[in-house]
Amino acid sequence: MKQPLAIAIAFLAAVAAPALPAAAQVGAASAASPGDPAARPFVEKLVGEGFAVLRDTSLSRQAARGKFRDILQRDVALDDIGMRLIRRQRASLTPAQLTAYRTAFPDFVLNAYADRLYDYADARVQVQRTIGRGPFTEVYTRVTRPGAQPIDTIWQVKNDGGKLQVNNLVVSGVNLALTQEADFTSYIAKNGFDALVTFLKSANAKSLAVQTGTK
């Protein structure tokens, strides 16, 4: 199964995602509305907190993971995203299957990206503009690193009763949620839904073993 590209989602997920070939292009942004004025400072704060964790040399990797987990749970619509990735299978799943998936998914996201983020501690994210698109505000940013090509990223932010959360990312023109949904759908078609959950749990267990030094 491919490394999950779509939920890198939150804070610095965009920075850790590699530049990908153009696919699932988003429509051209219209400057008709800047969207929710709170979206820009929300993304700036989220990114700032993520970089602060990466650059804090007093933190162990395990302590840093705990802080990343807090940021993810607070500022990223993990459950909404996770359920969207299995929308084609959801109607056929039992409550027990759904619960198992929803329990394993958040840690899978964190474990897939936490260590990779350290390679981007020297990156800079600059907000360029915001665009209102339906119920969401798209926050356009550019990620730069010394000696590397810039990566343009669009953060889709939703306002759920006054609570802002990241709902999706588009990195270098690639809609990450659509990419990840296709990855999950392909895996389920070949192996079954329970195998996907087993894969998520196994990946989480391996990551925990590495963190605790039991492997």
N, C-alpha and C. Protein backbone atom coordinates (compact mmCIF):
# COMPACT_ATOMS: atom_id res chain seq x y z
N MET A 1 0.84 -1.20 0.00
CA MET A 1 0.00 0.00 0.00
C MET A 1 0.87 1.23 0.00
N LYS A 2 0.51 2.24 -0.78
CA LYS A 2 1.31 3.45 -0.89
C LYS A 2 1.30 4.24 0.41
N GLN A 3 2.37 4.98 0.62
CA GLN A 3 2.41 5.89 1.76
C GLN A 3 1.24 6.85 1.65
N PRO A 4 0.43 7.01 2.71
CA PRO A 4 -0.75 7.86 2.60
C PRO A 4 -0.38 9.31 2.38
N LEU A 5 -0.73 9.85 1.24
CA LEU A 5 -0.37 11.22 0.91
C LEU A 5 -1.45 12.20 1.36
N ALA A 6 -2.63 11.73 1.63
CA ALA A 6 -3.68 12.70 1.78
C ALA A 6 -3.91 13.21 3.13
N ILE A 7 -3.40 12.69 4.07
CA ILE A 7 -3.81 13.25 5.31
C ILE A 7 -2.67 13.88 6.04
N ALA A 8 -1.70 13.98 5.38
CA ALA A 8 -0.56 14.70 5.85
C ALA A 8 -1.14 15.91 6.43
N ILE A 9 -2.21 16.02 6.10
CA ILE A 9 -3.14 17.04 6.40
C ILE A 9 -2.73 18.04 7.34
N ALA A 10 -2.59 18.10 8.26
CA ALA A 10 -2.67 19.25 9.07
C ALA A 10 -1.48 20.09 8.93
N PHE A 11 -1.22 20.75 9.98
CA PHE A 11 -0.14 21.68 10.15
C PHE A 11 0.94 21.55 9.11
N LEU A 12 1.94 20.70 9.27
CA LEU A 12 3.03 20.65 8.31
C LEU A 12 2.92 19.51 7.34
N ALA A 13 1.79 18.88 7.31
CA ALA A 13 1.66 17.77 6.39
C ALA A 13 1.99 18.23 5.00
N ALA A 14 1.60 19.39 4.69
CA ALA A 14 1.87 19.90 3.35
C ALA A 14 3.37 19.99 3.08
N VAL A 15 4.13 20.32 4.10
CA VAL A 15 5.55 20.45 3.89
C VAL A 15 6.20 19.11 3.65
N ALA A 16 5.68 18.08 4.27
CA ALA A 16 6.29 16.77 4.14
C ALA A 16 5.90 16.09 2.85
N ALA A 17 4.84 16.54 2.22
CA ALA A 17 4.39 15.88 1.00
C ALA A 17 5.30 16.24 -0.16
N PRO A 18 5.74 15.26 -0.95
CA PRO A 18 6.62 15.55 -2.08
C PRO A 18 5.86 16.23 -3.21
N ALA A 19 6.59 16.91 -4.09
CA ALA A 19 5.96 17.47 -5.27
C ALA A 19 5.52 16.33 -6.17
N LEU A 20 4.28 16.35 -6.64
CA LEU A 20 3.71 15.25 -7.40
C LEU A 20 3.29 15.72 -8.78
N PRO A 21 3.15 14.80 -9.73
CA PRO A 21 2.68 15.21 -11.04
C PRO A 21 1.27 15.74 -10.98
N ALA A 22 0.93 16.65 -11.87
CA ALA A 22 -0.39 17.26 -11.85
C ALA A 22 -1.47 16.22 -12.06
N ALA A 23 -2.46 16.22 -11.15
CA ALA A 23 -3.60 15.31 -11.24
C ALA A 23 -4.67 15.85 -10.33
N ALA A 24 -5.92 15.53 -10.64
CA ALA A 24 -7.02 16.00 -9.81
C ALA A 24 -6.91 17.50 -9.57
N GLN A 25 -6.71 18.24 -10.62
CA GLN A 25 -6.51 19.67 -10.50
C GLN A 25 -7.74 20.36 -9.93
N VAL A 26 -7.50 21.35 -9.08
CA VAL A 26 -8.61 22.15 -8.58
C VAL A 26 -8.94 23.21 -9.61
N GLY A 27 -10.15 23.70 -9.57
CA GLY A 27 -10.56 24.73 -10.52
C GLY A 27 -9.84 26.03 -10.24
N ALA A 28 -9.78 26.88 -11.23
CA ALA A 28 -9.11 28.17 -11.06
C ALA A 28 -9.83 28.98 -10.00
N ALA A 29 -9.04 29.56 -9.11
CA ALA A 29 -9.62 30.30 -8.00
C ALA A 29 -10.17 31.63 -8.49
N SER A 30 -11.31 31.99 -7.96
CA SER A 30 -11.90 33.28 -8.28
C SER A 30 -11.68 34.22 -7.11
N ALA A 31 -11.36 35.47 -7.44
CA ALA A 31 -11.09 36.43 -6.38
C ALA A 31 -12.37 37.13 -5.93
N ALA A 32 -13.52 36.50 -6.19
CA ALA A 32 -14.79 37.14 -5.86
C ALA A 32 -14.93 37.39 -4.37
N SER A 33 -14.42 36.47 -3.55
CA SER A 33 -14.56 36.61 -2.11
C SER A 33 -13.32 36.07 -1.42
N PRO A 34 -12.81 36.76 -0.39
CA PRO A 34 -11.65 36.25 0.34
C PRO A 34 -12.02 35.16 1.34
N GLY A 35 -13.32 34.89 1.49
CA GLY A 35 -13.74 33.85 2.43
C GLY A 35 -13.70 34.32 3.87
N ASP A 36 -13.60 33.37 4.79
CA ASP A 36 -13.61 33.64 6.22
C ASP A 36 -12.31 34.36 6.61
N PRO A 37 -12.39 35.56 7.16
CA PRO A 37 -11.17 36.29 7.51
C PRO A 37 -10.36 35.62 8.61
N ALA A 38 -10.99 34.68 9.33
CA ALA A 38 -10.26 33.98 10.40
C ALA A 38 -9.41 32.84 9.87
N ALA A 39 -9.60 32.46 8.59
CA ALA A 39 -8.90 31.29 8.05
C ALA A 39 -7.40 31.52 7.94
N ARG A 40 -7.01 32.71 7.49
CA ARG A 40 -5.57 33.00 7.32
C ARG A 40 -4.82 32.93 8.64
N PRO A 41 -5.24 33.66 9.68
CA PRO A 41 -4.50 33.55 10.96
C PRO A 41 -4.57 32.15 11.55
N PHE A 42 -5.65 31.42 11.26
CA PHE A 42 -5.77 30.04 11.74
C PHE A 42 -4.64 29.18 11.16
N VAL A 43 -4.45 29.26 9.84
CA VAL A 43 -3.40 28.46 9.19
C VAL A 43 -2.02 28.93 9.64
N GLU A 44 -1.83 30.24 9.75
CA GLU A 44 -0.53 30.76 10.19
C GLU A 44 -0.19 30.27 11.60
N LYS A 45 -1.17 30.25 12.49
CA LYS A 45 -0.95 29.78 13.86
C LYS A 45 -0.65 28.28 13.86
N LEU A 46 -1.40 27.53 13.09
CA LEU A 46 -1.23 26.09 13.03
C LEU A 46 0.17 25.72 12.54
N VAL A 47 0.60 26.37 11.46
CA VAL A 47 1.93 26.12 10.91
C VAL A 47 3.01 26.55 11.90
N GLY A 48 2.80 27.70 12.53
CA GLY A 48 3.77 28.20 13.50
C GLY A 48 3.95 27.25 14.66
N GLU A 49 2.87 26.70 15.15
CA GLU A 49 2.95 25.74 16.26
C GLU A 49 3.67 24.47 15.82
N GLY A 50 3.40 24.02 14.60
CA GLY A 50 4.07 22.83 14.11
C GLY A 50 5.57 23.02 14.01
N PHE A 51 6.00 24.15 13.46
CA PHE A 51 7.43 24.43 13.35
C PHE A 51 8.07 24.58 14.72
N ALA A 52 7.34 25.15 15.67
CA ALA A 52 7.89 25.31 17.02
C ALA A 52 8.22 23.95 17.63
N VAL A 53 7.36 22.96 17.38
CA VAL A 53 7.63 21.61 17.87
C VAL A 53 8.85 21.02 17.18
N LEU A 54 8.93 21.17 15.87
CA LEU A 54 10.05 20.62 15.10
C LEU A 54 11.39 21.19 15.55
N ARG A 55 11.39 22.47 15.91
CA ARG A 55 12.65 23.16 16.21
C ARG A 55 12.99 23.18 17.70
N ASP A 56 12.14 22.58 18.52
CA ASP A 56 12.40 22.54 19.96
C ASP A 56 13.32 21.35 20.27
N THR A 57 14.60 21.61 20.41
CA THR A 57 15.57 20.54 20.63
C THR A 57 15.47 19.92 22.02
N SER A 58 14.69 20.53 22.90
CA SER A 58 14.53 19.96 24.24
C SER A 58 13.52 18.82 24.27
N LEU A 59 12.75 18.68 23.17
CA LEU A 59 11.72 17.65 23.12
C LEU A 59 12.27 16.35 22.56
N SER A 60 11.91 15.24 23.19
CA SER A 60 12.21 13.93 22.61
C SER A 60 11.25 13.69 21.45
N ARG A 61 11.56 12.72 20.59
CA ARG A 61 10.66 12.42 19.48
C ARG A 61 9.29 12.00 20.01
N GLN A 62 9.27 11.26 21.09
CA GLN A 62 7.99 10.81 21.65
C GLN A 62 7.18 11.99 22.17
N ALA A 63 7.84 12.92 22.85
CA ALA A 63 7.14 14.11 23.35
C ALA A 63 6.64 14.96 22.19
N ALA A 64 7.45 15.07 21.13
CA ALA A 64 7.03 15.84 19.96
C ALA A 64 5.81 15.21 19.31
N ARG A 65 5.80 13.88 19.23
CA ARG A 65 4.63 13.19 18.66
C ARG A 65 3.37 13.53 19.44
N GLY A 66 3.50 13.60 20.76
CA GLY A 66 2.34 13.94 21.58
C GLY A 66 1.81 15.32 21.25
N LYS A 67 2.72 16.26 21.02
CA LYS A 67 2.29 17.61 20.67
C LYS A 67 1.68 17.65 19.27
N PHE A 68 2.28 16.90 18.33
CA PHE A 68 1.70 16.82 17.00
C PHE A 68 0.29 16.23 17.05
N ARG A 69 0.12 15.21 17.89
CA ARG A 69 -1.20 14.58 18.02
C ARG A 69 -2.23 15.59 18.51
N ASP A 70 -1.83 16.40 19.49
CA ASP A 70 -2.75 17.42 20.02
C ASP A 70 -3.16 18.41 18.92
N ILE A 71 -2.18 18.82 18.09
CA ILE A 71 -2.47 19.76 17.01
C ILE A 71 -3.41 19.13 16.00
N LEU A 72 -3.13 17.89 15.62
CA LEU A 72 -3.99 17.18 14.66
C LEU A 72 -5.42 17.08 15.16
N GLN A 73 -5.56 16.63 16.39
CA GLN A 73 -6.90 16.42 16.94
C GLN A 73 -7.67 17.73 17.09
N ARG A 74 -6.98 18.80 17.33
CA ARG A 74 -7.63 20.09 17.53
C ARG A 74 -7.96 20.79 16.21
N ASP A 75 -7.03 20.76 15.26
CA ASP A 75 -7.14 21.64 14.10
C ASP A 75 -7.41 20.93 12.77
N VAL A 76 -7.48 19.63 12.78
CA VAL A 76 -7.73 18.89 11.54
C VAL A 76 -8.99 18.05 11.71
N ALA A 77 -9.86 18.08 10.69
CA ALA A 77 -11.11 17.32 10.74
C ALA A 77 -10.81 15.86 10.41
N LEU A 78 -10.07 15.20 11.31
CA LEU A 78 -9.60 13.84 11.06
C LEU A 78 -10.74 12.85 10.82
N ASP A 79 -11.76 12.92 11.65
CA ASP A 79 -12.85 11.95 11.49
C ASP A 79 -13.60 12.19 10.18
N ASP A 80 -13.87 13.44 9.87
CA ASP A 80 -14.56 13.76 8.61
C ASP A 80 -13.74 13.28 7.42
N ILE A 81 -12.44 13.54 7.48
CA ILE A 81 -11.56 13.15 6.39
C ILE A 81 -11.51 11.63 6.27
N GLY A 82 -11.33 10.98 7.40
CA GLY A 82 -11.25 9.53 7.40
C GLY A 82 -12.51 8.89 6.84
N MET A 83 -13.66 9.40 7.22
CA MET A 83 -14.92 8.84 6.73
C MET A 83 -15.11 9.14 5.25
N ARG A 84 -14.61 10.29 4.80
CA ARG A 84 -14.73 10.62 3.38
C ARG A 84 -13.91 9.66 2.52
N LEU A 85 -12.82 9.17 3.06
CA LEU A 85 -11.95 8.28 2.29
C LEU A 85 -12.59 6.91 2.06
N ILE A 86 -13.57 6.56 2.88
CA ILE A 86 -14.23 5.26 2.72
C ILE A 86 -15.71 5.43 2.40
N ARG A 87 -16.07 6.56 1.81
CA ARG A 87 -17.49 6.85 1.56
C ARG A 87 -18.15 5.81 0.66
N ARG A 88 -17.40 5.21 -0.26
CA ARG A 88 -17.99 4.23 -1.16
C ARG A 88 -18.29 2.91 -0.46
N GLN A 89 -17.59 2.63 0.61
CA GLN A 89 -17.79 1.37 1.33
C GLN A 89 -18.66 1.53 2.58
N ARG A 90 -18.88 2.76 3.01
CA ARG A 90 -19.47 2.99 4.33
C ARG A 90 -20.82 2.30 4.51
N ALA A 91 -21.67 2.34 3.50
CA ALA A 91 -23.01 1.79 3.66
C ALA A 91 -23.00 0.29 3.93
N SER A 92 -21.95 -0.39 3.53
CA SER A 92 -21.89 -1.84 3.69
C SER A 92 -21.15 -2.28 4.95
N LEU A 93 -20.64 -1.32 5.72
CA LEU A 93 -19.83 -1.66 6.89
C LEU A 93 -20.68 -1.81 8.14
N THR A 94 -20.24 -2.68 9.03
CA THR A 94 -20.92 -2.85 10.31
C THR A 94 -20.45 -1.77 11.28
N PRO A 95 -21.21 -1.50 12.34
CA PRO A 95 -20.76 -0.52 13.35
C PRO A 95 -19.39 -0.88 13.92
N ALA A 96 -19.13 -2.18 14.10
CA ALA A 96 -17.84 -2.61 14.66
C ALA A 96 -16.70 -2.29 13.70
N GLN A 97 -16.92 -2.48 12.41
CA GLN A 97 -15.89 -2.15 11.42
C GLN A 97 -15.61 -0.66 11.39
N LEU A 98 -16.67 0.14 11.44
CA LEU A 98 -16.49 1.59 11.44
C LEU A 98 -15.72 2.06 12.67
N THR A 99 -16.07 1.52 13.81
CA THR A 99 -15.40 1.91 15.05
C THR A 99 -13.93 1.56 15.01
N ALA A 100 -13.61 0.36 14.51
CA ALA A 100 -12.21 -0.07 14.43
C ALA A 100 -11.41 0.85 13.51
N TYR A 101 -12.01 1.22 12.39
CA TYR A 101 -11.34 2.10 11.44
C TYR A 101 -11.14 3.49 12.03
N ARG A 102 -12.19 4.05 12.63
CA ARG A 102 -12.11 5.41 13.16
C ARG A 102 -11.13 5.49 14.33
N THR A 103 -10.94 4.39 15.02
CA THR A 103 -9.99 4.36 16.13
C THR A 103 -8.55 4.31 15.63
N ALA A 104 -8.31 3.55 14.57
CA ALA A 104 -6.95 3.36 14.06
C ALA A 104 -6.48 4.50 13.18
N PHE A 105 -7.41 5.16 12.51
CA PHE A 105 -7.03 6.14 11.49
C PHE A 105 -6.21 7.32 12.00
N PRO A 106 -6.58 8.00 13.08
CA PRO A 106 -5.80 9.18 13.51
C PRO A 106 -4.34 8.87 13.79
N ASP A 107 -4.06 7.78 14.50
CA ASP A 107 -2.68 7.43 14.80
C ASP A 107 -1.92 7.05 13.54
N PHE A 108 -2.62 6.45 12.58
CA PHE A 108 -1.99 6.11 11.31
C PHE A 108 -1.49 7.36 10.60
N VAL A 109 -2.31 8.40 10.62
CA VAL A 109 -1.91 9.67 10.00
C VAL A 109 -0.67 10.22 10.69
N LEU A 110 -0.71 10.27 12.01
CA LEU A 110 0.42 10.81 12.77
C LEU A 110 1.68 9.99 12.53
N ASN A 111 1.58 8.67 12.63
CA ASN A 111 2.75 7.82 12.49
C ASN A 111 3.36 7.88 11.09
N ALA A 112 2.51 8.08 10.09
CA ALA A 112 3.00 8.11 8.71
C ALA A 112 3.85 9.33 8.43
N TYR A 113 3.64 10.41 9.19
CA TYR A 113 4.29 11.67 8.84
C TYR A 113 5.19 12.27 9.91
N ALA A 114 5.02 11.87 11.15
CA ALA A 114 5.71 12.57 12.24
C ALA A 114 7.22 12.63 12.02
N ASP A 115 7.84 11.51 11.75
CA ASP A 115 9.30 11.50 11.60
C ASP A 115 9.75 12.22 10.34
N ARG A 116 8.97 12.14 9.27
CA ARG A 116 9.34 12.81 8.02
C ARG A 116 9.38 14.33 8.17
N LEU A 117 8.57 14.84 9.09
CA LEU A 117 8.49 16.29 9.24
C LEU A 117 9.81 16.91 9.66
N TYR A 118 10.65 16.14 10.36
CA TYR A 118 11.91 16.71 10.84
C TYR A 118 12.83 17.10 9.69
N ASP A 119 12.64 16.51 8.53
CA ASP A 119 13.45 16.88 7.37
C ASP A 119 13.09 18.27 6.85
N TYR A 120 11.98 18.82 7.37
CA TYR A 120 11.49 20.11 6.87
C TYR A 120 11.53 21.20 7.95
N ALA A 121 12.34 20.99 8.95
CA ALA A 121 12.42 21.97 10.03
C ALA A 121 12.95 23.31 9.55
N ASP A 122 13.66 23.30 8.41
CA ASP A 122 14.22 24.56 7.90
C ASP A 122 13.32 25.20 6.84
N ALA A 123 12.12 24.66 6.66
CA ALA A 123 11.21 25.19 5.65
C ALA A 123 10.50 26.45 6.14
N ARG A 124 9.95 27.18 5.18
CA ARG A 124 9.18 28.39 5.50
C ARG A 124 7.87 28.32 4.74
N VAL A 125 6.77 28.64 5.42
CA VAL A 125 5.46 28.65 4.78
C VAL A 125 4.93 30.08 4.78
N GLN A 126 4.65 30.59 3.61
CA GLN A 126 4.16 31.97 3.49
C GLN A 126 2.74 31.95 2.91
N VAL A 127 1.81 32.58 3.63
CA VAL A 127 0.44 32.68 3.14
C VAL A 127 0.39 33.76 2.06
N GLN A 128 -0.21 33.44 0.91
CA GLN A 128 -0.27 34.38 -0.20
C GLN A 128 -1.64 35.05 -0.34
N ARG A 129 -2.70 34.26 -0.20
CA ARG A 129 -4.04 34.85 -0.32
C ARG A 129 -5.06 33.83 0.17
N THR A 130 -6.31 34.28 0.30
CA THR A 130 -7.41 33.39 0.66
C THR A 130 -8.55 33.59 -0.34
N ILE A 131 -9.27 32.51 -0.60
CA ILE A 131 -10.38 32.54 -1.54
C ILE A 131 -11.57 31.80 -0.92
N GLY A 132 -12.74 32.41 -0.94
CA GLY A 132 -13.94 31.73 -0.48
C GLY A 132 -14.46 30.83 -1.59
N ARG A 133 -14.75 29.58 -1.26
CA ARG A 133 -15.30 28.65 -2.23
C ARG A 133 -16.39 27.83 -1.56
N GLY A 134 -17.64 28.23 -1.77
CA GLY A 134 -18.76 27.55 -1.11
C GLY A 134 -18.63 27.69 0.39
N PRO A 135 -18.79 26.58 1.13
CA PRO A 135 -18.72 26.65 2.59
C PRO A 135 -17.29 26.67 3.13
N PHE A 136 -16.30 26.65 2.24
CA PHE A 136 -14.90 26.57 2.67
C PHE A 136 -14.13 27.84 2.30
N THR A 137 -13.01 28.03 3.00
CA THR A 137 -12.05 29.06 2.62
C THR A 137 -10.75 28.38 2.24
N GLU A 138 -10.25 28.69 1.05
CA GLU A 138 -8.99 28.11 0.60
C GLU A 138 -7.87 29.09 0.93
N VAL A 139 -6.89 28.61 1.68
CA VAL A 139 -5.74 29.42 2.07
C VAL A 139 -4.55 28.98 1.22
N TYR A 140 -4.09 29.87 0.35
CA TYR A 140 -3.00 29.56 -0.57
C TYR A 140 -1.66 29.89 0.09
N THR A 141 -0.77 28.91 0.13
CA THR A 141 0.55 29.12 0.73
C THR A 141 1.64 28.62 -0.20
N ARG A 142 2.84 29.10 0.04
CA ARG A 142 4.02 28.60 -0.69
C ARG A 142 5.04 28.12 0.34
N VAL A 143 5.48 26.87 0.16
CA VAL A 143 6.46 26.26 1.05
C VAL A 143 7.83 26.35 0.38
N THR A 144 8.79 26.92 1.05
CA THR A 144 10.14 27.04 0.49
C THR A 144 11.16 26.44 1.45
N ARG A 145 12.19 25.84 0.85
CA ARG A 145 13.31 25.29 1.62
C ARG A 145 14.59 25.68 0.90
N PRO A 146 15.69 25.86 1.62
CA PRO A 146 16.96 26.18 0.97
C PRO A 146 17.35 25.10 -0.04
N GLY A 147 17.63 25.52 -1.26
CA GLY A 147 18.09 24.59 -2.27
C GLY A 147 17.03 23.70 -2.89
N ALA A 148 15.75 23.97 -2.61
CA ALA A 148 14.66 23.13 -3.14
C ALA A 148 13.64 23.99 -3.87
N GLN A 149 12.92 23.35 -4.78
CA GLN A 149 11.88 24.06 -5.51
C GLN A 149 10.71 24.38 -4.56
N PRO A 150 10.09 25.54 -4.71
CA PRO A 150 8.94 25.87 -3.86
C PRO A 150 7.77 24.92 -4.14
N ILE A 151 6.95 24.71 -3.14
CA ILE A 151 5.76 23.87 -3.26
C ILE A 151 4.54 24.74 -2.94
N ASP A 152 3.63 24.84 -3.88
CA ASP A 152 2.41 25.61 -3.65
C ASP A 152 1.34 24.69 -3.06
N THR A 153 0.70 25.17 -2.02
CA THR A 153 -0.25 24.37 -1.26
C THR A 153 -1.52 25.16 -1.00
N ILE A 154 -2.66 24.50 -1.10
CA ILE A 154 -3.94 25.11 -0.77
C ILE A 154 -4.54 24.35 0.41
N TRP A 155 -4.78 25.06 1.48
CA TRP A 155 -5.41 24.49 2.67
C TRP A 155 -6.91 24.77 2.60
N GLN A 156 -7.74 23.75 2.60
CA GLN A 156 -9.18 23.95 2.62
C GLN A 156 -9.63 23.99 4.08
N VAL A 157 -10.15 25.13 4.48
CA VAL A 157 -10.54 25.33 5.89
C VAL A 157 -12.05 25.45 5.98
N LYS A 158 -12.62 24.74 6.94
CA LYS A 158 -14.07 24.84 7.16
C LYS A 158 -14.33 25.45 8.53
N ASN A 159 -15.46 26.10 8.65
CA ASN A 159 -15.89 26.69 9.91
C ASN A 159 -17.11 25.93 10.38
N ASP A 160 -16.93 25.14 11.42
CA ASP A 160 -18.01 24.30 11.94
C ASP A 160 -18.50 24.90 13.25
N GLY A 161 -19.50 25.78 13.14
CA GLY A 161 -20.05 26.40 14.34
C GLY A 161 -19.05 27.24 15.09
N GLY A 162 -18.16 27.92 14.37
CA GLY A 162 -17.17 28.77 15.00
C GLY A 162 -15.83 28.08 15.23
N LYS A 163 -15.76 26.77 14.99
CA LYS A 163 -14.51 26.03 15.15
C LYS A 163 -13.90 25.79 13.78
N LEU A 164 -12.72 26.34 13.55
CA LEU A 164 -12.04 26.17 12.27
C LEU A 164 -11.22 24.89 12.27
N GLN A 165 -11.26 24.18 11.14
CA GLN A 165 -10.47 22.97 10.98
C GLN A 165 -10.03 22.81 9.53
N VAL A 166 -8.87 22.18 9.34
CA VAL A 166 -8.41 21.85 8.00
C VAL A 166 -9.20 20.64 7.51
N ASN A 167 -9.77 20.78 6.32
CA ASN A 167 -10.63 19.75 5.77
C ASN A 167 -9.98 18.98 4.62
N ASN A 168 -8.94 19.57 4.01
CA ASN A 168 -8.25 18.93 2.90
C ASN A 168 -7.05 19.79 2.51
N LEU A 169 -6.15 19.20 1.71
CA LEU A 169 -5.01 19.93 1.16
C LEU A 169 -4.88 19.64 -0.33
N VAL A 170 -4.41 20.62 -1.05
CA VAL A 170 -4.03 20.43 -2.45
C VAL A 170 -2.56 20.83 -2.53
N VAL A 171 -1.70 19.89 -2.92
CA VAL A 171 -0.26 20.12 -2.97
C VAL A 171 0.22 19.99 -4.41
N SER A 172 0.83 21.02 -4.93
CA SER A 172 1.32 21.03 -6.31
C SER A 172 0.23 20.60 -7.29
N GLY A 173 -0.99 21.06 -7.05
CA GLY A 173 -2.10 20.77 -7.95
C GLY A 173 -2.77 19.45 -7.71
N VAL A 174 -2.32 18.66 -6.76
CA VAL A 174 -2.89 17.34 -6.50
C VAL A 174 -3.79 17.40 -5.27
N ASN A 175 -5.05 17.02 -5.46
CA ASN A 175 -6.01 16.96 -4.36
C ASN A 175 -5.70 15.73 -3.53
N LEU A 176 -5.17 15.94 -2.32
CA LEU A 176 -4.69 14.82 -1.53
C LEU A 176 -5.80 13.90 -1.04
N ALA A 177 -6.97 14.45 -0.75
CA ALA A 177 -8.07 13.59 -0.30
C ALA A 177 -8.50 12.64 -1.40
N LEU A 178 -8.59 13.14 -2.64
CA LEU A 178 -8.96 12.28 -3.76
C LEU A 178 -7.89 11.22 -4.01
N THR A 179 -6.63 11.61 -3.88
CA THR A 179 -5.54 10.66 -4.07
C THR A 179 -5.59 9.55 -3.03
N GLN A 180 -5.80 9.95 -1.76
CA GLN A 180 -5.83 8.95 -0.69
C GLN A 180 -7.07 8.08 -0.79
N GLU A 181 -8.19 8.66 -1.18
CA GLU A 181 -9.41 7.87 -1.34
C GLU A 181 -9.20 6.78 -2.40
N ALA A 182 -8.56 7.14 -3.49
CA ALA A 182 -8.29 6.16 -4.55
C ALA A 182 -7.37 5.06 -4.04
N ASP A 183 -6.40 5.42 -3.22
CA ASP A 183 -5.47 4.45 -2.65
C ASP A 183 -6.21 3.46 -1.74
N PHE A 184 -7.04 3.99 -0.84
CA PHE A 184 -7.81 3.14 0.06
C PHE A 184 -8.79 2.25 -0.72
N THR A 185 -9.48 2.85 -1.70
CA THR A 185 -10.46 2.09 -2.48
C THR A 185 -9.79 0.93 -3.20
N SER A 186 -8.63 1.16 -3.77
CA SER A 186 -7.90 0.10 -4.47
C SER A 186 -7.48 -1.00 -3.50
N TYR A 187 -7.00 -0.61 -2.33
CA TYR A 187 -6.56 -1.59 -1.34
C TYR A 187 -7.74 -2.44 -0.87
N ILE A 188 -8.86 -1.79 -0.61
CA ILE A 188 -10.05 -2.52 -0.14
C ILE A 188 -10.56 -3.47 -1.22
N ALA A 189 -10.54 -3.03 -2.49
CA ALA A 189 -11.02 -3.88 -3.58
C ALA A 189 -10.18 -5.15 -3.69
N LYS A 190 -8.90 -5.05 -3.41
CA LYS A 190 -8.02 -6.21 -3.53
C LYS A 190 -7.99 -7.08 -2.28
N ASN A 191 -8.17 -6.45 -1.12
CA ASN A 191 -7.93 -7.18 0.13
C ASN A 191 -9.11 -7.22 1.10
N GLY A 192 -10.09 -6.34 0.90
CA GLY A 192 -11.22 -6.27 1.82
C GLY A 192 -11.03 -5.19 2.86
N PHE A 193 -12.14 -4.73 3.43
CA PHE A 193 -12.07 -3.61 4.38
C PHE A 193 -11.36 -4.02 5.67
N ASP A 194 -11.62 -5.21 6.16
CA ASP A 194 -10.98 -5.64 7.39
C ASP A 194 -9.46 -5.67 7.25
N ALA A 195 -8.99 -6.00 6.06
CA ALA A 195 -7.54 -6.00 5.83
C ALA A 195 -6.97 -4.59 5.92
N LEU A 196 -7.74 -3.59 5.46
CA LEU A 196 -7.29 -2.21 5.58
C LEU A 196 -7.13 -1.84 7.05
N VAL A 197 -8.11 -2.18 7.87
CA VAL A 197 -8.04 -1.86 9.29
C VAL A 197 -6.85 -2.58 9.93
N THR A 198 -6.65 -3.84 9.55
CA THR A 198 -5.51 -4.60 10.07
C THR A 198 -4.19 -3.93 9.69
N PHE A 199 -4.14 -3.44 8.45
CA PHE A 199 -2.94 -2.75 8.00
C PHE A 199 -2.68 -1.49 8.83
N LEU A 200 -3.73 -0.71 9.09
CA LEU A 200 -3.57 0.50 9.88
C LEU A 200 -3.09 0.17 11.29
N LYS A 201 -3.71 -0.83 11.89
CA LYS A 201 -3.33 -1.23 13.26
C LYS A 201 -1.89 -1.74 13.30
N SER A 202 -1.52 -2.53 12.30
CA SER A 202 -0.16 -3.07 12.26
C SER A 202 0.87 -1.97 12.12
N ALA A 203 0.58 -0.98 11.26
CA ALA A 203 1.49 0.14 11.09
C ALA A 203 1.62 0.92 12.40
N ASN A 204 0.50 1.09 13.11
CA ASN A 204 0.54 1.81 14.38
C ASN A 204 1.35 1.05 15.42
N ALA A 205 1.19 -0.27 15.46
CA ALA A 205 1.92 -1.09 16.43
C ALA A 205 3.42 -1.06 16.16
N LYS A 206 3.80 -1.10 14.89
CA LYS A 206 5.23 -1.04 14.54
C LYS A 206 5.82 0.31 14.94
N SER A 207 5.08 1.36 14.71
CA SER A 207 5.56 2.69 15.08
C SER A 207 5.73 2.81 16.58
N LEU A 208 4.77 2.29 17.33
CA LEU A 208 4.85 2.33 18.79
C LEU A 208 6.06 1.55 19.29
N ALA A 209 6.32 0.39 18.68
CA ALA A 209 7.46 -0.42 19.09
C ALA A 209 8.77 0.32 18.87
N VAL A 210 8.86 1.04 17.77
CA VAL A 210 10.07 1.81 17.49
C VAL A 210 10.23 2.94 18.51
N GLN A 211 9.11 3.61 18.82
CA GLN A 211 9.16 4.73 19.78
C GLN A 211 9.59 4.28 21.17
N THR A 212 9.11 3.12 21.58
CA THR A 212 9.37 2.64 22.93
C THR A 212 10.65 1.79 23.03
N GLY A 213 11.28 1.56 21.86
CA GLY A 213 12.51 0.79 21.87
C GLY A 213 12.34 -0.69 22.07
N THR A 214 11.12 -1.20 21.78
CA THR A 214 10.88 -2.63 21.96
C THR A 214 11.10 -3.38 20.66
N LYS A 215 11.56 -2.66 19.64
CA LYS A 215 11.86 -3.31 18.36
C LYS A 215 13.17 -2.77 17.82
